[in-house]
Each structure stands twice: as structure tokens, then as C-alpha cells.
Amino acid sequence: MISRTRCPVKQQMRFGRWKRTGQHKGLLTPEERARIAELQELLIECFVEHRGATAEGREERVKSLEAEIDDLLNKKDEVEKWATLGSA
């Protein structure tokens, strides 16, 4: 499900409003950096597939991918949030 606090995936992709990585207030542990890198790889795969599904008009898959992208972004935000709180 797309978070109410975020623009829908299509709008974020169109306007280039994805958060840049590396903008953390605290220092990340090697485990946190690895987890973020893993999530980013999954996000890239989802974005590529989303673009293809959109071009092919596969609306169900597009919606499914948007939900998956939002979930991955939430997980990435959680890792970053806990890293920031841990360094406070």
C-alpha cells in the first residue's frame, strides 16, 4: 500500500524525488550499510520491472510493484532511522 505521506511511485519516478542514500545523520554500522545496499539493489530491480510493466500496460503488476517499492522504502527508512537514533 502506498503511504499517505509519500507521493505515489509514478509521481516520484516522474519528478525524481527519491531520497539520496548516504544522507544519514549518524554513522552506519557495516551491517546497516550492507542492509541498505541490499534494499537498494532490490529497489533498482523493482523500478526496472515497474517501468517494463507500465510500458506493457500490466496494471495489476504495476500496483503490486508499487506496493513492494513502498515496503522496501519503509524498510530502508527504518534502518536509517534506527542508525540515526543509535548515534544520538
N, C-alpha and C. Protein backbone atom coordinates (compact mmCIF):
# COMPACT_ATOMS: atom_id res chain seq x y z
N MET A 1 0.85 -1.18 0.00
CA MET A 1 0.00 0.00 0.00
C MET A 1 0.89 1.24 0.00
N ILE A 2 0.49 2.22 -0.75
CA ILE A 2 1.27 3.45 -0.85
C ILE A 2 0.98 4.32 0.36
N SER A 3 2.04 4.75 1.00
CA SER A 3 1.92 5.57 2.20
C SER A 3 1.29 6.91 1.86
N ARG A 4 0.47 7.40 2.77
CA ARG A 4 -0.17 8.70 2.56
C ARG A 4 0.83 9.84 2.63
N THR A 5 1.95 9.62 3.30
CA THR A 5 2.94 10.68 3.46
C THR A 5 3.86 10.79 2.25
N ARG A 6 3.79 9.84 1.35
CA ARG A 6 4.64 9.85 0.17
C ARG A 6 3.81 10.08 -1.07
N CYS A 7 4.44 10.62 -2.08
CA CYS A 7 3.79 10.71 -3.39
C CYS A 7 3.71 9.29 -3.95
N PRO A 8 2.73 9.00 -4.77
CA PRO A 8 2.69 7.70 -5.41
C PRO A 8 3.98 7.45 -6.20
N VAL A 9 4.29 6.18 -6.38
CA VAL A 9 5.53 5.79 -7.05
C VAL A 9 5.67 6.46 -8.41
N LYS A 10 4.59 6.47 -9.18
CA LYS A 10 4.65 7.05 -10.52
C LYS A 10 5.07 8.52 -10.45
N GLN A 11 4.52 9.27 -9.50
CA GLN A 11 4.87 10.67 -9.38
C GLN A 11 6.31 10.85 -8.91
N GLN A 12 6.76 10.00 -7.99
CA GLN A 12 8.12 10.11 -7.50
C GLN A 12 9.10 9.83 -8.63
N MET A 13 8.80 8.82 -9.45
CA MET A 13 9.69 8.50 -10.56
C MET A 13 9.70 9.64 -11.57
N ARG A 14 8.54 10.21 -11.83
CA ARG A 14 8.41 11.28 -12.82
C ARG A 14 9.18 12.52 -12.38
N PHE A 15 9.10 12.86 -11.12
CA PHE A 15 9.72 14.08 -10.63
C PHE A 15 11.10 13.87 -10.01
N GLY A 16 11.58 12.63 -10.00
CA GLY A 16 12.90 12.34 -9.46
C GLY A 16 13.03 12.67 -7.99
N ARG A 17 12.01 12.35 -7.20
CA ARG A 17 12.02 12.72 -5.78
C ARG A 17 12.45 11.60 -4.86
N TRP A 18 13.29 10.71 -5.32
CA TRP A 18 13.75 9.64 -4.44
C TRP A 18 14.83 10.19 -3.53
N LYS A 19 14.81 9.74 -2.29
CA LYS A 19 15.83 10.18 -1.35
C LYS A 19 17.19 9.66 -1.80
N ARG A 20 18.18 10.47 -1.64
CA ARG A 20 19.53 10.01 -1.94
C ARG A 20 20.06 9.25 -0.75
N THR A 21 20.82 8.22 -1.05
CA THR A 21 21.42 7.47 0.04
C THR A 21 22.68 8.19 0.50
N GLY A 22 23.12 7.86 1.67
CA GLY A 22 24.32 8.49 2.19
C GLY A 22 24.04 9.78 2.94
N GLN A 23 22.78 10.14 3.05
CA GLN A 23 22.44 11.37 3.77
C GLN A 23 21.96 11.00 5.17
N HIS A 24 22.82 10.37 5.93
CA HIS A 24 22.46 9.90 7.26
C HIS A 24 23.04 10.85 8.29
N LYS A 25 22.29 11.07 9.34
CA LYS A 25 22.78 11.94 10.41
C LYS A 25 23.80 11.21 11.27
N GLY A 26 23.65 9.91 11.38
CA GLY A 26 24.57 9.13 12.20
C GLY A 26 25.44 8.25 11.34
N LEU A 27 26.41 7.63 11.95
CA LEU A 27 27.26 6.70 11.24
C LEU A 27 26.58 5.33 11.22
N LEU A 28 26.68 4.66 10.10
CA LEU A 28 26.07 3.34 9.96
C LEU A 28 27.09 2.26 10.28
N THR A 29 26.60 1.21 10.89
CA THR A 29 27.46 0.05 11.12
C THR A 29 27.63 -0.68 9.79
N PRO A 30 28.61 -1.55 9.69
CA PRO A 30 28.76 -2.33 8.46
C PRO A 30 27.50 -3.14 8.12
N GLU A 31 26.83 -3.65 9.15
CA GLU A 31 25.60 -4.41 8.93
C GLU A 31 24.49 -3.53 8.37
N GLU A 32 24.39 -2.31 8.91
CA GLU A 32 23.36 -1.38 8.42
C GLU A 32 23.65 -0.96 6.98
N ARG A 33 24.93 -0.70 6.69
CA ARG A 33 25.29 -0.34 5.32
C ARG A 33 24.99 -1.49 4.36
N ALA A 34 25.28 -2.71 4.79
CA ALA A 34 25.01 -3.88 3.95
C ALA A 34 23.51 -4.04 3.71
N ARG A 35 22.72 -3.84 4.76
CA ARG A 35 21.26 -3.97 4.62
C ARG A 35 20.71 -2.90 3.68
N ILE A 36 21.19 -1.68 3.81
CA ILE A 36 20.74 -0.61 2.93
C ILE A 36 21.13 -0.91 1.48
N ALA A 37 22.35 -1.39 1.28
CA ALA A 37 22.79 -1.75 -0.07
C ALA A 37 21.91 -2.85 -0.66
N GLU A 38 21.57 -3.83 0.17
CA GLU A 38 20.70 -4.92 -0.27
C GLU A 38 19.32 -4.38 -0.67
N LEU A 39 18.77 -3.50 0.16
CA LEU A 39 17.47 -2.91 -0.13
C LEU A 39 17.52 -2.06 -1.40
N GLN A 40 18.60 -1.35 -1.60
CA GLN A 40 18.74 -0.53 -2.81
C GLN A 40 18.79 -1.40 -4.06
N GLU A 41 19.48 -2.52 -3.99
CA GLU A 41 19.52 -3.45 -5.12
C GLU A 41 18.12 -3.95 -5.46
N LEU A 42 17.38 -4.31 -4.42
CA LEU A 42 16.00 -4.77 -4.64
C LEU A 42 15.13 -3.66 -5.21
N LEU A 43 15.34 -2.43 -4.73
CA LEU A 43 14.59 -1.30 -5.26
C LEU A 43 14.88 -1.08 -6.75
N ILE A 44 16.14 -1.16 -7.12
CA ILE A 44 16.50 -0.99 -8.53
C ILE A 44 15.80 -2.04 -9.39
N GLU A 45 15.83 -3.29 -8.93
CA GLU A 45 15.15 -4.35 -9.67
C GLU A 45 13.66 -4.06 -9.81
N CYS A 46 13.05 -3.59 -8.75
CA CYS A 46 11.61 -3.27 -8.78
C CYS A 46 11.33 -2.10 -9.71
N PHE A 47 12.18 -1.07 -9.67
CA PHE A 47 11.97 0.09 -10.55
C PHE A 47 12.05 -0.32 -12.02
N VAL A 48 13.03 -1.15 -12.34
CA VAL A 48 13.19 -1.60 -13.73
C VAL A 48 11.97 -2.41 -14.15
N GLU A 49 11.55 -3.33 -13.30
CA GLU A 49 10.38 -4.13 -13.62
C GLU A 49 9.12 -3.26 -13.70
N HIS A 50 9.02 -2.27 -12.80
CA HIS A 50 7.88 -1.36 -12.81
C HIS A 50 7.80 -0.62 -14.15
N ARG A 51 8.93 -0.14 -14.60
CA ARG A 51 8.96 0.57 -15.88
C ARG A 51 8.48 -0.34 -17.02
N GLY A 52 8.96 -1.57 -17.03
CA GLY A 52 8.55 -2.52 -18.07
C GLY A 52 7.07 -2.85 -17.99
N ALA A 53 6.59 -3.10 -16.78
CA ALA A 53 5.17 -3.43 -16.60
C ALA A 53 4.28 -2.26 -17.00
N THR A 54 4.73 -1.04 -16.70
CA THR A 54 3.97 0.14 -17.08
C THR A 54 3.91 0.26 -18.60
N ALA A 55 5.05 0.06 -19.25
CA ALA A 55 5.11 0.15 -20.71
C ALA A 55 4.23 -0.90 -21.38
N GLU A 56 4.12 -2.07 -20.74
CA GLU A 56 3.32 -3.16 -21.30
C GLU A 56 1.86 -3.07 -20.90
N GLY A 57 1.52 -2.12 -20.03
CA GLY A 57 0.13 -1.94 -19.61
C GLY A 57 -0.37 -3.01 -18.65
N ARG A 58 0.53 -3.62 -17.89
CA ARG A 58 0.14 -4.66 -16.93
C ARG A 58 -0.16 -4.00 -15.58
N GLU A 59 -1.38 -3.47 -15.47
CA GLU A 59 -1.77 -2.67 -14.30
C GLU A 59 -1.68 -3.44 -12.98
N GLU A 60 -2.08 -4.70 -12.96
CA GLU A 60 -2.01 -5.47 -11.70
C GLU A 60 -0.57 -5.58 -11.22
N ARG A 61 0.34 -5.87 -12.16
CA ARG A 61 1.75 -5.99 -11.78
C ARG A 61 2.31 -4.64 -11.35
N VAL A 62 1.89 -3.58 -12.02
CA VAL A 62 2.34 -2.23 -11.65
C VAL A 62 1.94 -1.93 -10.21
N LYS A 63 0.69 -2.21 -9.87
CA LYS A 63 0.23 -1.95 -8.50
C LYS A 63 0.98 -2.81 -7.49
N SER A 64 1.21 -4.05 -7.84
CA SER A 64 1.95 -4.95 -6.96
C SER A 64 3.37 -4.44 -6.73
N LEU A 65 4.01 -3.99 -7.79
CA LEU A 65 5.37 -3.46 -7.68
C LEU A 65 5.40 -2.16 -6.87
N GLU A 66 4.39 -1.33 -7.04
CA GLU A 66 4.34 -0.09 -6.25
C GLU A 66 4.25 -0.41 -4.76
N ALA A 67 3.48 -1.42 -4.42
CA ALA A 67 3.38 -1.82 -3.01
C ALA A 67 4.72 -2.37 -2.52
N GLU A 68 5.38 -3.15 -3.36
CA GLU A 68 6.68 -3.71 -2.99
C GLU A 68 7.72 -2.61 -2.83
N ILE A 69 7.70 -1.63 -3.72
CA ILE A 69 8.63 -0.50 -3.64
C ILE A 69 8.40 0.27 -2.35
N ASP A 70 7.14 0.55 -2.03
CA ASP A 70 6.84 1.27 -0.79
C ASP A 70 7.32 0.49 0.43
N ASP A 71 7.13 -0.82 0.42
CA ASP A 71 7.59 -1.66 1.52
C ASP A 71 9.11 -1.59 1.67
N LEU A 72 9.82 -1.69 0.55
CA LEU A 72 11.28 -1.62 0.59
C LEU A 72 11.76 -0.25 1.07
N LEU A 73 11.09 0.82 0.62
CA LEU A 73 11.46 2.16 1.07
C LEU A 73 11.23 2.32 2.57
N ASN A 74 10.13 1.75 3.06
CA ASN A 74 9.85 1.80 4.51
C ASN A 74 10.92 1.06 5.29
N LYS A 75 11.33 -0.10 4.80
CA LYS A 75 12.38 -0.87 5.47
C LYS A 75 13.69 -0.09 5.49
N LYS A 76 14.02 0.54 4.36
CA LYS A 76 15.24 1.34 4.28
C LYS A 76 15.17 2.51 5.25
N ASP A 77 14.02 3.17 5.30
CA ASP A 77 13.84 4.29 6.24
C ASP A 77 14.01 3.83 7.68
N GLU A 78 13.50 2.64 8.00
CA GLU A 78 13.63 2.12 9.36
C GLU A 78 15.09 1.89 9.73
N VAL A 79 15.86 1.31 8.83
CA VAL A 79 17.28 1.09 9.10
C VAL A 79 17.98 2.42 9.34
N GLU A 80 17.67 3.40 8.48
CA GLU A 80 18.30 4.71 8.62
C GLU A 80 17.87 5.40 9.91
N LYS A 81 16.58 5.26 10.25
CA LYS A 81 16.08 5.88 11.47
C LYS A 81 16.77 5.29 12.69
N TRP A 82 16.86 3.97 12.76
CA TRP A 82 17.50 3.34 13.92
C TRP A 82 18.98 3.66 13.98
N ALA A 83 19.60 3.81 12.81
CA ALA A 83 21.02 4.18 12.80
C ALA A 83 21.18 5.59 13.36
N THR A 84 20.28 6.49 12.99
CA THR A 84 20.33 7.87 13.48
C THR A 84 20.08 7.90 14.99
N LEU A 85 19.08 7.15 15.44
CA LEU A 85 18.78 7.13 16.87
C LEU A 85 19.92 6.50 17.66
N GLY A 86 20.55 5.50 17.08
CA GLY A 86 21.65 4.82 17.78
C GLY A 86 22.87 5.70 17.95
N SER A 87 23.01 6.71 17.06
CA SER A 87 24.21 7.56 17.16
C SER A 87 23.94 8.83 17.96
N ALA A 88 22.71 8.99 18.43
CA ALA A 88 22.36 10.22 19.17
C ALA A 88 22.90 10.18 20.58
